[in-house]
């Protein structure tokens, strides 16, 4: 069960160093995206039965439900009559990305009673944590835990977490089992604390510096030609969780996820 954002991605891959106040040659593509949606599609591509709970504008509901069904994700989409489906412009310059985000309908995500019967994992995007707040997120984690499911969280965004408050964010996700921060998110959340004492598994992606399971092992990055790093972290988390669900060790799952994410950055877009 995935709870997270659905976003329409506009990906701009810069052709050269940016020049202000004039034309810049680039490659531009429009693709389905959003951290929660990306993760769900990657996970489904690995043969894991996956359901996505998200919120979109009512005018896009049918189209997006059809899309998710076509890629093997069961869509549990809420219709929003006021806000548009989320949109983001991703500016890719080499290995660096700049995001211009309008979360739109994602901000109004409503989770009442969550039926976790038959699910092994509840995966929550940090963006949704910030929308739901501490009390609602804690209720979801409690429901999942009582159902015997693992809870995994992707922090999502250092700027959003900083605005929400680091202590508030950590209070909201307390009781989760697996945390998937990137290096910047790990540094932000770990100020004055050892995250490996708060979560059973803290799996950190470090881009060109590889990946680490805190307290277990670090591995270097794979050498590939990077086209677009969008969605690499989502691909990494999906492969890692798929392998852990299959009974593989933390070390083997980390190595395989690192290779899987490396392959994901060799093409444009955040989904397979």
Protein backbone atom coordinates (compact mmCIF):
# COMPACT_ATOMS: atom_id res chain seq x y z
CA UNK A 1 0.00 0.00 0.00
CA UNK A 2 1.55 3.28 -1.17
CA UNK A 3 0.35 6.67 0.06
CA UNK A 4 1.89 9.54 -1.88
CA UNK A 5 1.75 12.22 -4.54
CA UNK A 6 0.71 11.97 -8.16
CA UNK A 7 2.45 14.70 -10.14
CA UNK A 8 2.57 15.62 -13.81
CA UNK A 9 6.32 15.96 -14.52
CA UNK A 10 7.69 18.47 -17.01
CA UNK A 11 11.34 17.47 -17.34
CA UNK A 12 13.79 19.96 -18.85
CA UNK A 13 17.22 18.51 -19.62
CA UNK A 14 19.58 21.43 -20.23
CA UNK A 15 21.88 21.10 -23.22
CA UNK A 16 24.62 23.40 -21.94
CA UNK A 17 25.39 25.86 -19.18
CA UNK A 18 22.33 27.99 -18.52
CA UNK A 19 22.26 31.52 -19.95
CA UNK A 20 19.80 33.96 -18.40
CA UNK A 21 17.45 36.22 -20.38
CA UNK A 22 17.85 34.27 -23.62
CA UNK A 23 17.03 30.92 -25.23
CA UNK A 24 18.62 27.77 -23.85
CA UNK A 25 18.70 24.62 -25.95
CA UNK A 26 17.16 21.69 -24.06
CA UNK A 27 15.16 18.48 -24.27
CA UNK A 28 11.67 18.74 -22.75
CA UNK A 29 9.33 15.88 -21.98
CA UNK A 30 6.05 15.47 -20.09
CA UNK A 31 5.69 12.26 -18.09
CA UNK A 32 3.63 10.90 -15.18
CA UNK A 33 5.46 11.40 -11.91
CA UNK A 34 5.31 12.14 -8.22
CA UNK A 35 7.42 10.37 -5.62
CA UNK A 36 4.62 8.09 -4.42
CA UNK A 37 3.47 7.30 -7.94
CA UNK A 38 7.02 6.69 -9.17
CA UNK A 39 7.71 4.28 -6.34
CA UNK A 40 4.44 2.42 -6.92
CA UNK A 41 5.10 1.96 -10.64
CA UNK A 42 8.68 0.80 -10.07
CA UNK A 43 7.50 -1.66 -7.42
CA UNK A 44 4.76 -3.05 -9.65
CA UNK A 45 7.31 -3.46 -12.46
CA UNK A 46 9.17 -5.85 -10.13
CA UNK A 47 6.12 -8.09 -9.79
CA UNK A 48 4.95 -6.84 -6.38
CA UNK A 49 1.17 -6.36 -6.03
CA UNK A 50 0.85 -2.62 -5.42
CA UNK A 51 -1.98 -0.21 -4.60
CA UNK A 52 -1.60 3.59 -4.72
CA UNK A 53 -3.69 5.99 -2.65
CA UNK A 54 -3.44 9.57 -3.92
CA UNK A 55 -5.53 12.63 -4.86
CA UNK A 56 -5.92 14.25 -8.29
CA UNK A 57 -8.24 16.74 -9.95
CA UNK A 58 -11.60 15.20 -10.83
CA UNK A 59 -11.07 15.93 -14.54
CA UNK A 60 -7.95 13.73 -14.55
CA UNK A 61 -9.32 10.88 -12.45
CA UNK A 62 -10.38 8.53 -15.25
CA UNK A 63 -7.28 9.12 -17.38
CA UNK A 64 -4.86 8.56 -14.50
CA UNK A 65 -6.75 5.52 -13.20
CA UNK A 66 -6.48 4.00 -16.68
CA UNK A 67 -2.77 4.77 -16.77
CA UNK A 68 -2.00 3.20 -13.39
CA UNK A 69 -4.01 0.11 -14.25
CA UNK A 70 -2.00 -0.18 -17.48
CA UNK A 71 1.29 -0.33 -15.54
CA UNK A 72 0.05 -2.80 -12.94
CA UNK A 73 -0.73 -0.42 -10.08
CA UNK A 74 -4.20 -0.63 -8.49
CA UNK A 75 -5.35 3.03 -8.29
CA UNK A 76 -7.19 4.26 -5.21
CA UNK A 77 -7.52 7.85 -6.41
CA UNK A 78 -9.51 10.59 -4.71
CA UNK A 79 -11.17 13.27 -6.84
CA UNK A 80 -10.57 16.92 -6.00
CA UNK A 81 -12.98 19.42 -7.53
CA UNK A 82 -11.00 22.52 -6.53
CA UNK A 83 -7.26 22.02 -6.95
CA UNK A 84 -5.51 20.81 -10.13
CA UNK A 85 -3.51 17.62 -10.29
CA UNK A 86 -0.02 18.32 -8.98
CA UNK A 87 2.59 19.58 -11.41
CA UNK A 88 6.34 19.98 -11.27
CA UNK A 89 9.02 21.36 -13.56
CA UNK A 90 12.30 19.47 -13.12
CA UNK A 91 15.36 21.30 -14.44
CA UNK A 92 18.16 18.77 -15.01
CA UNK A 93 21.66 20.20 -15.34
CA UNK A 94 24.22 17.40 -15.35
CA UNK A 95 23.75 15.43 -12.12
CA UNK A 96 21.92 18.25 -10.40
CA UNK A 97 18.17 18.87 -10.37
CA UNK A 98 16.08 21.91 -9.46
CA UNK A 99 12.36 21.47 -8.76
CA UNK A 100 9.56 23.98 -9.25
CA UNK A 101 6.63 22.33 -7.50
CA UNK A 102 2.88 22.85 -7.34
CA UNK A 103 1.50 19.94 -5.28
CA UNK A 104 -2.07 20.87 -6.19
CA UNK A 105 -4.69 18.31 -5.16
CA UNK A 106 -2.10 16.27 -3.26
CA UNK A 107 -2.35 18.80 -0.46
CA UNK A 108 -5.96 17.75 0.22
CA UNK A 109 -5.31 14.01 0.54
CA UNK A 110 -7.77 12.50 3.01
CA UNK A 111 -7.13 9.19 4.75
CA UNK A 112 -9.89 7.98 7.03
CA UNK A 113 -9.95 4.25 7.76
CA UNK A 114 -7.16 2.33 6.07
CA UNK A 115 -7.69 -1.38 5.49
CA UNK A 116 -4.26 -3.03 5.64
CA UNK A 117 -5.62 -6.57 5.48
CA UNK A 118 -3.47 -8.58 3.06
CA UNK A 119 -0.73 -5.94 2.77
CA UNK A 120 2.86 -6.57 3.88
CA UNK A 121 4.10 -2.96 3.74
CA UNK A 122 2.69 0.53 4.12
CA UNK A 123 4.89 2.97 2.19
CA UNK A 124 4.35 6.67 2.97
CA UNK A 125 5.83 9.55 1.00
CA UNK A 126 7.15 12.39 3.15
CA UNK A 127 5.12 14.85 1.10
CA UNK A 128 1.95 13.12 2.29
CA UNK A 129 3.23 13.11 5.88
CA UNK A 130 3.45 16.89 5.73
CA UNK A 131 -0.07 17.15 4.27
CA UNK A 132 -1.59 14.79 6.85
CA UNK A 133 0.31 16.03 9.90
CA UNK A 134 1.44 14.20 13.02
CA UNK A 135 -1.84 12.79 14.35
CA UNK A 136 -3.14 11.36 11.06
CA UNK A 137 0.23 9.89 10.09
CA UNK A 138 0.59 8.27 13.49
CA UNK A 139 -2.88 6.74 13.14
CA UNK A 140 -1.90 5.17 9.80
CA UNK A 141 1.33 3.78 11.24
CA UNK A 142 -0.61 2.32 14.16
CA UNK A 143 -3.15 0.69 11.82
CA UNK A 144 -0.36 -0.85 9.74
CA UNK A 145 1.57 -2.04 12.77
CA UNK A 146 -1.50 -3.68 14.30
CA UNK A 147 -2.11 -5.43 10.97
CA UNK A 148 1.43 -6.86 11.08
CA UNK A 149 2.69 -4.75 8.17
CA UNK A 150 6.04 -3.01 7.94
CA UNK A 151 6.03 0.78 7.56
CA UNK A 152 8.52 2.44 5.20
CA UNK A 153 8.93 6.20 4.75
CA UNK A 154 10.64 8.26 2.06
CA UNK A 155 11.29 11.73 3.61
CA UNK A 156 10.85 13.43 0.23
CA UNK A 157 12.10 17.01 0.52
CA UNK A 158 14.51 18.89 2.78
CA UNK A 159 12.83 22.24 2.12
CA UNK A 160 9.33 20.93 2.96
CA UNK A 161 10.63 19.12 6.07
CA UNK A 162 12.44 22.25 7.26
CA UNK A 163 9.27 24.29 6.91
CA UNK A 164 7.18 21.61 8.65
CA UNK A 165 9.82 21.22 11.37
CA UNK A 166 12.31 18.38 11.77
CA UNK A 167 11.02 17.38 15.21
CA UNK A 168 7.42 17.45 13.94
CA UNK A 169 8.36 15.25 11.00
CA UNK A 170 10.17 12.73 13.19
CA UNK A 171 7.23 12.69 15.60
CA UNK A 172 4.88 12.01 12.69
CA UNK A 173 6.86 9.00 11.40
CA UNK A 174 7.81 7.55 14.80
CA UNK A 175 7.23 3.81 14.86
CA UNK A 176 8.15 3.30 11.21
CA UNK A 177 10.48 0.43 10.37
CA UNK A 178 12.42 1.54 7.28
CA UNK A 179 13.57 5.03 6.31
CA UNK A 180 14.83 5.93 2.81
CA UNK A 181 16.51 9.36 3.02
CA UNK A 182 18.95 10.76 0.51
CA UNK A 183 22.15 12.26 1.86
CA UNK A 184 20.75 15.76 2.39
CA UNK A 185 17.61 14.44 4.09
CA UNK A 186 19.69 12.17 6.31
CA UNK A 187 21.87 15.07 7.40
CA UNK A 188 18.81 17.21 8.15
CA UNK A 189 16.97 14.53 10.14
CA UNK A 190 19.99 13.21 12.04
CA UNK A 191 21.06 16.47 13.69
CA UNK A 192 21.86 15.48 17.26
CA UNK A 193 20.50 11.93 16.91
CA UNK A 194 21.36 8.48 15.63
CA UNK A 195 18.62 7.56 13.16
CA UNK A 196 19.58 3.90 13.29
CA UNK A 197 18.32 3.84 16.89
CA UNK A 198 14.91 5.19 15.83
CA UNK A 199 14.34 2.96 12.79
CA UNK A 200 15.20 -0.70 12.19
CA UNK A 201 16.68 0.07 8.76
CA UNK A 202 17.96 3.43 7.53
CA UNK A 203 18.91 3.16 3.87
CA UNK A 204 20.68 6.28 2.58
CA UNK A 205 21.17 7.08 -1.11
CA UNK A 206 24.19 9.29 -1.76
CA UNK A 207 24.09 9.79 -5.55
CA UNK A 208 27.61 9.67 -6.99
CA UNK A 209 28.90 8.51 -3.59
CA UNK A 210 26.83 5.31 -3.62
CA UNK A 211 24.52 4.12 -0.85
CA UNK A 212 24.62 3.02 2.77
CA UNK A 213 22.63 0.93 5.21
CA UNK A 214 23.45 2.73 8.45
CA UNK A 215 25.31 0.44 10.81
CA UNK A 216 25.58 -2.31 8.20
CA UNK A 217 27.59 -1.36 5.10
CA UNK A 218 28.38 1.28 2.50
CA UNK A 219 28.83 0.67 -1.22
CA UNK A 220 30.18 2.85 -4.05
CA UNK A 221 28.07 4.08 -6.93
CA UNK A 222 27.79 2.25 -10.23
CA UNK A 223 29.52 3.97 -13.15
CA UNK A 224 26.92 4.89 -15.77
CA UNK A 225 26.16 7.74 -18.17
CA UNK A 226 23.57 9.84 -16.37
CA UNK A 227 20.72 11.19 -18.49
CA UNK A 228 18.20 12.11 -15.78
CA UNK A 229 18.42 11.26 -12.04
CA UNK A 230 14.67 11.92 -11.53
CA UNK A 231 13.04 8.96 -9.78
CA UNK A 232 16.31 7.15 -9.06
CA UNK A 233 15.62 7.16 -5.33
CA UNK A 234 12.13 5.77 -5.92
CA UNK A 235 13.55 3.00 -8.12
CA UNK A 236 16.17 2.26 -5.46
CA UNK A 237 13.56 2.01 -2.67
CA UNK A 238 11.30 -0.19 -4.80
CA UNK A 239 14.07 -2.68 -5.59
CA UNK A 240 15.27 -2.72 -1.99
CA UNK A 241 11.79 -3.38 -0.58
CA UNK A 242 10.98 -5.99 -3.23
CA UNK A 243 14.09 -7.93 -2.27
CA UNK A 244 13.53 -7.59 1.46
CA UNK A 245 9.96 -8.87 0.99
CA UNK A 246 11.43 -11.84 -0.86
CA UNK A 247 13.63 -12.62 2.14
CA UNK A 248 16.96 -11.25 0.92
CA UNK A 249 19.46 -9.75 3.37
CA UNK A 250 19.99 -6.02 3.91
CA UNK A 251 23.40 -6.25 2.23
CA UNK A 252 22.19 -8.10 -0.87
CA UNK A 253 19.16 -5.81 -1.16
CA UNK A 254 21.36 -2.70 -0.90
CA UNK A 255 23.72 -3.89 -3.64
CA UNK A 256 20.89 -4.85 -6.00
CA UNK A 257 18.99 -1.60 -5.36
CA UNK A 258 22.12 0.43 -6.11
CA UNK A 259 22.51 -1.32 -9.48
CA UNK A 260 18.81 -0.96 -10.26
CA UNK A 261 18.83 2.79 -9.55
CA UNK A 262 21.95 3.21 -11.68
CA UNK A 263 20.10 1.75 -14.65
CA UNK A 264 17.16 4.08 -13.97
CA UNK A 265 19.23 7.26 -14.42
CA UNK A 266 20.28 6.31 -17.95
CA UNK A 267 16.93 7.49 -19.34
CA UNK A 268 14.64 10.49 -18.94
CA UNK A 269 11.65 10.34 -16.61
CA UNK A 270 10.96 9.07 -13.12
CA UNK A 271 9.19 5.80 -14.00
CA UNK A 272 10.13 2.66 -15.97
